[in-house]
Structures are given as structure tokens and as C-alpha cells.
């Protein structure tokens, strides 16, 4: 016997959304705060990149008037209004929601423009309180032969350190000066010994010129550690 027909699988995008909410936290109702600082967006790889689900809890569809899809439905559902309404899926680039949804939109635009690289992409969000930098990564989910190609973008918070200088009073300030100075003096002493004994047969065989140049280079490296002291500038 040969089956002739269509085999369909019915699944709800809301199930995926509920899974993301359970895994990555939930937006506190009435606010822009969330119990998680990691956000995930799942959307179709094919243009216009319709939303599948978001970990922020924002819906991937909206109700619009059937007669004019550019106008939102005046009711919260399609039955409480005299005007007929229908659901309309939202492309990720057109998403309007919380500030955290904006992070996902920025991440999507950056990754799409860069051709979805495997490397992390940093995005900056000035309005997100103390969390201004996010590291984002994208990956492709597909099932060959099933006409299923989804993209997954993850945005993770990253902080920018402000304690990147070594100044007087820092525990490392004294040791860096001591180690750099001692290393410089020891290298100069070795270079001086090699130079004074340059006529000795053993030293001549060792190429005293190259040896002295190498040791003086080591002395310079010890001095270079002192450049890490003090405030940072464009030069250092």
C-alpha cells in the first residue's frame, strides 16, 4: 500500500515562547525589568524573518484590521470588536516592545549585516541602565528536507571594567616597580660582564655582540613593564 496525501505536524509557537520564558526568566509585569539578563530570539531565516518566539515574553504577532492590515485592531482580541480583525506575524526588524526586545533587534541587525559570523558580536545599548554592553551570538537551526530553517540569537550581558589602571596605593604598584628595576639592573650587569670578557675565547665563540644585544633587549623589556603604571592614555 502506498500513502498518497499530506502529512502535517501542528505545533504552537507559544509552546516555544513558554519554554524560553521558563529557561531565561520572565519580564516583570508592568516594568522593563526581568529575572534574567540573557535574552534569546528565535526567528525564520528566510526574509522577512518572522518571529518564532522571544525569551522576553513579547508576542511574535499582532492583531490588525482585516480591511486595513496597517492599522491595529481596536480590541485586544478579534471578537470584542465589531470590526473584523486577524493576526499578523511580526518581522524581527519591526519588533517594538521592551528595551530588552530592542537588544535582540540590534543583535539581529548586526548579525545579518555581518553575514552571521561564528564569532561573538558586541552591541551597545545606552538606555539599558547599568547593562550597556551585550555579547551576542547567532546559530542556524534547520532540518534538511523539512523546509525548516530558523535562526537563534543569544544576547548576554557584559560589563566594562573601570579599574584598569595601576596607580600609587594599588597592591601591584610596588611589586611592578621592584621587579622591573631589579630585572633591568641584572640585565645590565650581565651585559657588562660579557662586554668586559669579550676577549676571552669562550665569550668570542658565543658571539659577544649578539649576546650583549639580546641582554640589552631583555633590559628594555623589564623597563617596558613600568608603562603599565599610571592612568591609561591613547599612547599607552
Protein backbone atom coordinates (compact mmCIF):
# COMPACT_ATOMS: atom_id res chain seq x y z
CA UNK A 1 0.00 0.00 0.00
CA UNK A 2 1.21 3.47 -0.88
CA UNK A 3 0.17 6.51 1.14
CA UNK A 4 -0.85 9.45 -1.02
CA UNK A 5 -1.59 12.67 0.80
CA UNK A 6 -0.13 15.31 3.08
CA UNK A 7 1.40 14.65 6.48
CA UNK A 8 1.20 17.77 8.65
CA UNK A 9 2.50 18.48 12.13
CA UNK A 10 0.72 21.08 14.21
CA UNK A 11 2.73 22.90 16.82
CA UNK A 12 2.26 26.19 18.61
CA UNK A 13 4.83 28.95 18.67
CA UNK A 14 3.53 29.77 22.14
CA UNK A 15 4.96 26.47 23.40
CA UNK A 16 8.41 27.60 22.29
CA UNK A 17 7.85 31.00 23.88
CA UNK A 18 6.84 29.41 27.18
CA UNK A 19 9.97 27.24 27.09
CA UNK A 20 12.18 30.30 26.58
CA UNK A 21 10.39 32.11 29.39
CA UNK A 22 10.91 29.18 31.73
CA UNK A 23 14.59 28.90 30.77
CA UNK A 24 15.65 32.53 30.64
CA UNK A 25 13.35 34.35 33.02
CA UNK A 26 10.21 36.42 32.75
CA UNK A 27 9.65 40.14 32.32
CA UNK A 28 8.11 41.61 35.48
CA UNK A 29 4.63 42.73 34.52
CA UNK A 30 4.26 46.47 34.07
CA UNK A 31 8.01 47.13 34.08
CA UNK A 32 11.06 46.76 31.85
CA UNK A 33 12.88 44.56 34.36
CA UNK A 34 13.38 40.84 34.07
CA UNK A 35 14.56 37.98 36.23
CA UNK A 36 17.26 37.17 33.67
CA UNK A 37 19.85 39.21 31.82
CA UNK A 38 20.26 36.72 28.95
CA UNK A 39 17.84 37.06 26.05
CA UNK A 40 17.04 34.72 23.18
CA UNK A 41 15.26 35.28 19.89
CA UNK A 42 14.14 32.53 17.51
CA UNK A 43 13.06 33.62 14.05
CA UNK A 44 12.78 32.39 10.47
CA UNK A 45 15.96 32.52 8.42
CA UNK A 46 14.05 33.47 5.29
CA UNK A 47 13.29 37.13 4.69
CA UNK A 48 11.37 38.97 6.21
CA UNK A 49 12.48 36.93 9.25
CA UNK A 50 9.22 36.42 11.08
CA UNK A 51 9.49 35.94 14.84
CA UNK A 52 9.02 32.43 16.20
CA UNK A 53 9.48 33.15 19.90
CA UNK A 54 11.25 35.55 22.28
CA UNK A 55 12.51 34.93 25.79
CA UNK A 56 11.32 38.41 26.78
CA UNK A 57 7.74 37.18 26.53
CA UNK A 58 6.76 39.62 23.78
CA UNK A 59 4.38 38.08 21.28
CA UNK A 60 5.52 37.47 17.72
CA UNK A 61 2.19 38.54 16.26
CA UNK A 62 -0.30 41.40 16.49
CA UNK A 63 -3.96 41.88 15.68
CA UNK A 64 -4.74 44.15 12.74
CA UNK A 65 -7.87 45.13 10.90
CA UNK A 66 -8.77 42.69 8.17
CA UNK A 67 -9.74 45.51 5.84
CA UNK A 68 -6.55 47.51 6.54
CA UNK A 69 -3.60 45.46 7.87
CA UNK A 70 -1.62 48.66 8.51
CA UNK A 71 -3.99 49.62 11.35
CA UNK A 72 -4.05 47.78 14.70
CA UNK A 73 -7.22 46.13 15.85
CA UNK A 74 -9.12 48.39 18.30
CA UNK A 75 -9.85 45.41 20.55
CA UNK A 76 -7.43 43.17 22.41
CA UNK A 77 -8.86 40.18 20.59
CA UNK A 78 -10.70 39.69 17.36
CA UNK A 79 -14.10 39.01 18.93
CA UNK A 80 -14.72 42.02 21.15
CA UNK A 81 -14.87 44.47 18.26
CA UNK A 82 -17.45 44.98 15.53
CA UNK A 83 -14.60 45.35 13.06
CA UNK A 84 -13.14 42.05 11.87
CA UNK A 85 -9.52 41.55 12.87
CA UNK A 86 -6.90 38.96 12.07
CA UNK A 87 -3.45 38.07 13.45
CA UNK A 88 -0.39 39.33 11.62
CA UNK A 89 3.12 37.96 12.16
CA UNK A 90 5.88 40.43 13.03
CA UNK A 91 9.30 40.51 11.35
CA UNK A 92 12.07 40.75 13.94
CA UNK A 93 13.33 44.03 12.47
CA UNK A 94 9.89 45.60 13.11
CA UNK A 95 9.63 44.45 16.71
CA UNK A 96 8.54 47.14 19.17
CA UNK A 97 8.44 46.16 22.82
CA UNK A 98 10.62 46.47 25.89
CA UNK A 99 14.19 47.73 26.00
CA UNK A 100 15.30 44.11 26.06
CA UNK A 101 13.44 43.45 22.82
CA UNK A 102 15.46 46.33 21.40
CA UNK A 103 18.64 44.48 22.37
CA UNK A 104 17.52 41.49 20.31
CA UNK A 105 16.59 43.70 17.35
CA UNK A 106 20.02 45.37 17.43
CA UNK A 107 21.71 41.97 17.69
CA UNK A 108 19.70 40.67 14.73
CA UNK A 109 20.59 43.66 12.55
CA UNK A 110 24.29 43.44 13.43
CA UNK A 111 24.50 39.71 12.74
CA UNK A 112 22.56 39.94 9.49
CA UNK A 113 24.76 42.78 8.25
CA UNK A 114 27.90 40.80 9.16
CA UNK A 115 26.66 37.68 7.40
CA UNK A 116 26.02 35.72 10.61
CA UNK A 117 29.63 35.16 11.70
CA UNK A 118 30.57 32.46 14.18
CA UNK A 119 32.37 34.99 16.36
CA UNK A 120 30.71 36.98 19.12
CA UNK A 121 29.47 40.46 18.22
CA UNK A 122 29.38 43.20 20.84
CA UNK A 123 26.49 45.65 20.79
CA UNK A 124 25.99 48.72 22.95
CA UNK A 125 22.69 49.80 24.40
CA UNK A 126 22.90 53.20 26.08
CA UNK A 127 19.42 53.11 27.57
CA UNK A 128 19.70 49.83 29.44
CA UNK A 129 20.67 51.19 32.84
CA UNK A 130 23.95 49.70 34.05
CA UNK A 131 23.97 46.93 31.42
CA UNK A 132 25.32 48.77 28.38
CA UNK A 133 27.27 46.09 26.56
CA UNK A 134 25.96 42.76 25.28
CA UNK A 135 27.84 39.91 23.68
CA UNK A 136 25.68 38.26 21.05
CA UNK A 137 25.96 35.08 19.05
CA UNK A 138 23.80 33.52 16.34
CA UNK A 139 23.35 29.98 15.12
CA UNK A 140 21.31 28.23 12.44
CA UNK A 141 18.78 25.51 13.23
CA UNK A 142 17.49 23.55 10.28
CA UNK A 143 16.00 20.19 9.39
CA UNK A 144 17.06 19.16 5.86
CA UNK A 145 14.14 18.10 3.73
CA UNK A 146 11.62 19.57 6.16
CA UNK A 147 11.77 23.15 4.82
CA UNK A 148 12.66 24.35 8.31
CA UNK A 149 15.40 26.98 8.75
CA UNK A 150 15.39 29.03 11.93
CA UNK A 151 17.93 31.38 13.41
CA UNK A 152 18.67 31.64 17.12
CA UNK A 153 20.30 34.74 18.60
CA UNK A 154 21.50 34.88 22.20
CA UNK A 155 22.41 38.17 23.89
CA UNK A 156 24.44 38.00 27.10
CA UNK A 157 25.36 41.00 29.29
CA UNK A 158 28.96 42.14 29.53
CA UNK A 159 30.36 44.77 31.85
CA UNK A 160 33.08 47.28 31.10
CA UNK A 161 35.72 47.44 33.81
CA UNK A 162 36.81 50.81 35.11
CA UNK A 163 39.63 49.53 37.36
CA UNK A 164 42.13 49.12 34.53
CA UNK A 165 44.92 51.33 35.87
CA UNK A 166 47.68 50.69 38.38
CA UNK A 167 48.31 53.80 40.45
CA UNK A 168 50.03 54.55 43.79
CA UNK A 169 48.24 52.70 46.55
CA UNK A 170 47.44 49.70 44.36
CA UNK A 171 48.89 46.41 45.75
CA UNK A 172 50.67 45.80 42.43
CA UNK A 173 52.26 49.24 42.17
CA UNK A 174 55.30 48.48 44.36
CA UNK A 175 55.99 44.94 43.09
CA UNK A 176 55.90 46.06 39.45
CA UNK A 177 58.46 48.79 40.13
CA UNK A 178 60.67 46.41 42.12
CA UNK A 179 60.56 43.57 39.58
CA UNK A 180 61.11 45.88 36.61
CA UNK A 181 64.01 47.68 38.26
CA UNK A 182 65.71 44.52 39.50
CA UNK A 183 65.38 42.89 36.08
CA UNK A 184 66.81 45.97 34.38
CA UNK A 185 69.81 46.13 36.75
CA UNK A 186 70.54 42.40 36.49
CA UNK A 187 70.43 42.50 32.68
CA UNK A 188 72.79 45.50 32.60
CA UNK A 189 75.18 43.67 34.94
CA UNK A 190 75.19 40.58 32.69
CA UNK A 191 75.76 42.75 29.61
CA UNK A 192 78.66 44.49 31.37
CA UNK A 193 80.30 41.20 32.32
CA UNK A 194 80.02 39.85 28.77
CA UNK A 195 81.46 43.07 27.34
CA UNK A 196 84.44 43.13 29.72
CA UNK A 197 85.25 39.49 28.93
CA UNK A 198 84.70 39.82 25.20
CA UNK A 199 88.36 38.91 24.52
CA UNK A 200 88.04 35.58 26.30
CA UNK A 201 87.98 32.63 23.92
CA UNK A 202 84.72 31.19 25.31
CA UNK A 203 82.94 34.54 25.02
CA UNK A 204 84.22 35.10 21.47
CA UNK A 205 82.85 31.73 20.40
CA UNK A 206 79.49 32.75 21.85
CA UNK A 207 79.32 35.92 19.68
CA UNK A 208 79.53 38.54 22.40
CA UNK A 209 77.96 41.23 20.21
CA UNK A 210 74.74 39.29 19.68
CA UNK A 211 74.71 38.21 23.35
CA UNK A 212 75.05 41.79 24.58
CA UNK A 213 72.32 42.99 22.20
CA UNK A 214 69.98 40.23 23.40
CA UNK A 215 70.60 41.03 27.07
CA UNK A 216 70.08 44.77 26.48
CA UNK A 217 66.78 43.90 24.78
CA UNK A 218 65.78 41.98 27.90
CA UNK A 219 66.65 45.05 29.96
CA UNK A 220 64.34 47.10 27.76
CA UNK A 221 61.53 44.59 28.26
CA UNK A 222 61.91 44.94 32.02
CA UNK A 223 61.60 48.72 31.66
CA UNK A 224 58.51 48.32 29.50
CA UNK A 225 56.59 46.86 32.46
CA UNK A 226 56.73 50.32 34.05
CA UNK A 227 54.49 51.66 31.26
CA UNK A 228 51.54 49.85 32.85
CA UNK A 229 51.73 52.23 35.81
CA UNK A 230 49.57 55.33 36.00
CA UNK A 231 46.43 56.32 34.08
CA UNK A 232 45.85 55.00 30.58
CA UNK A 233 46.33 57.30 27.61
CA UNK A 234 45.90 56.99 23.85
CA UNK A 235 49.67 56.45 23.57
CA UNK A 236 49.96 53.75 26.27
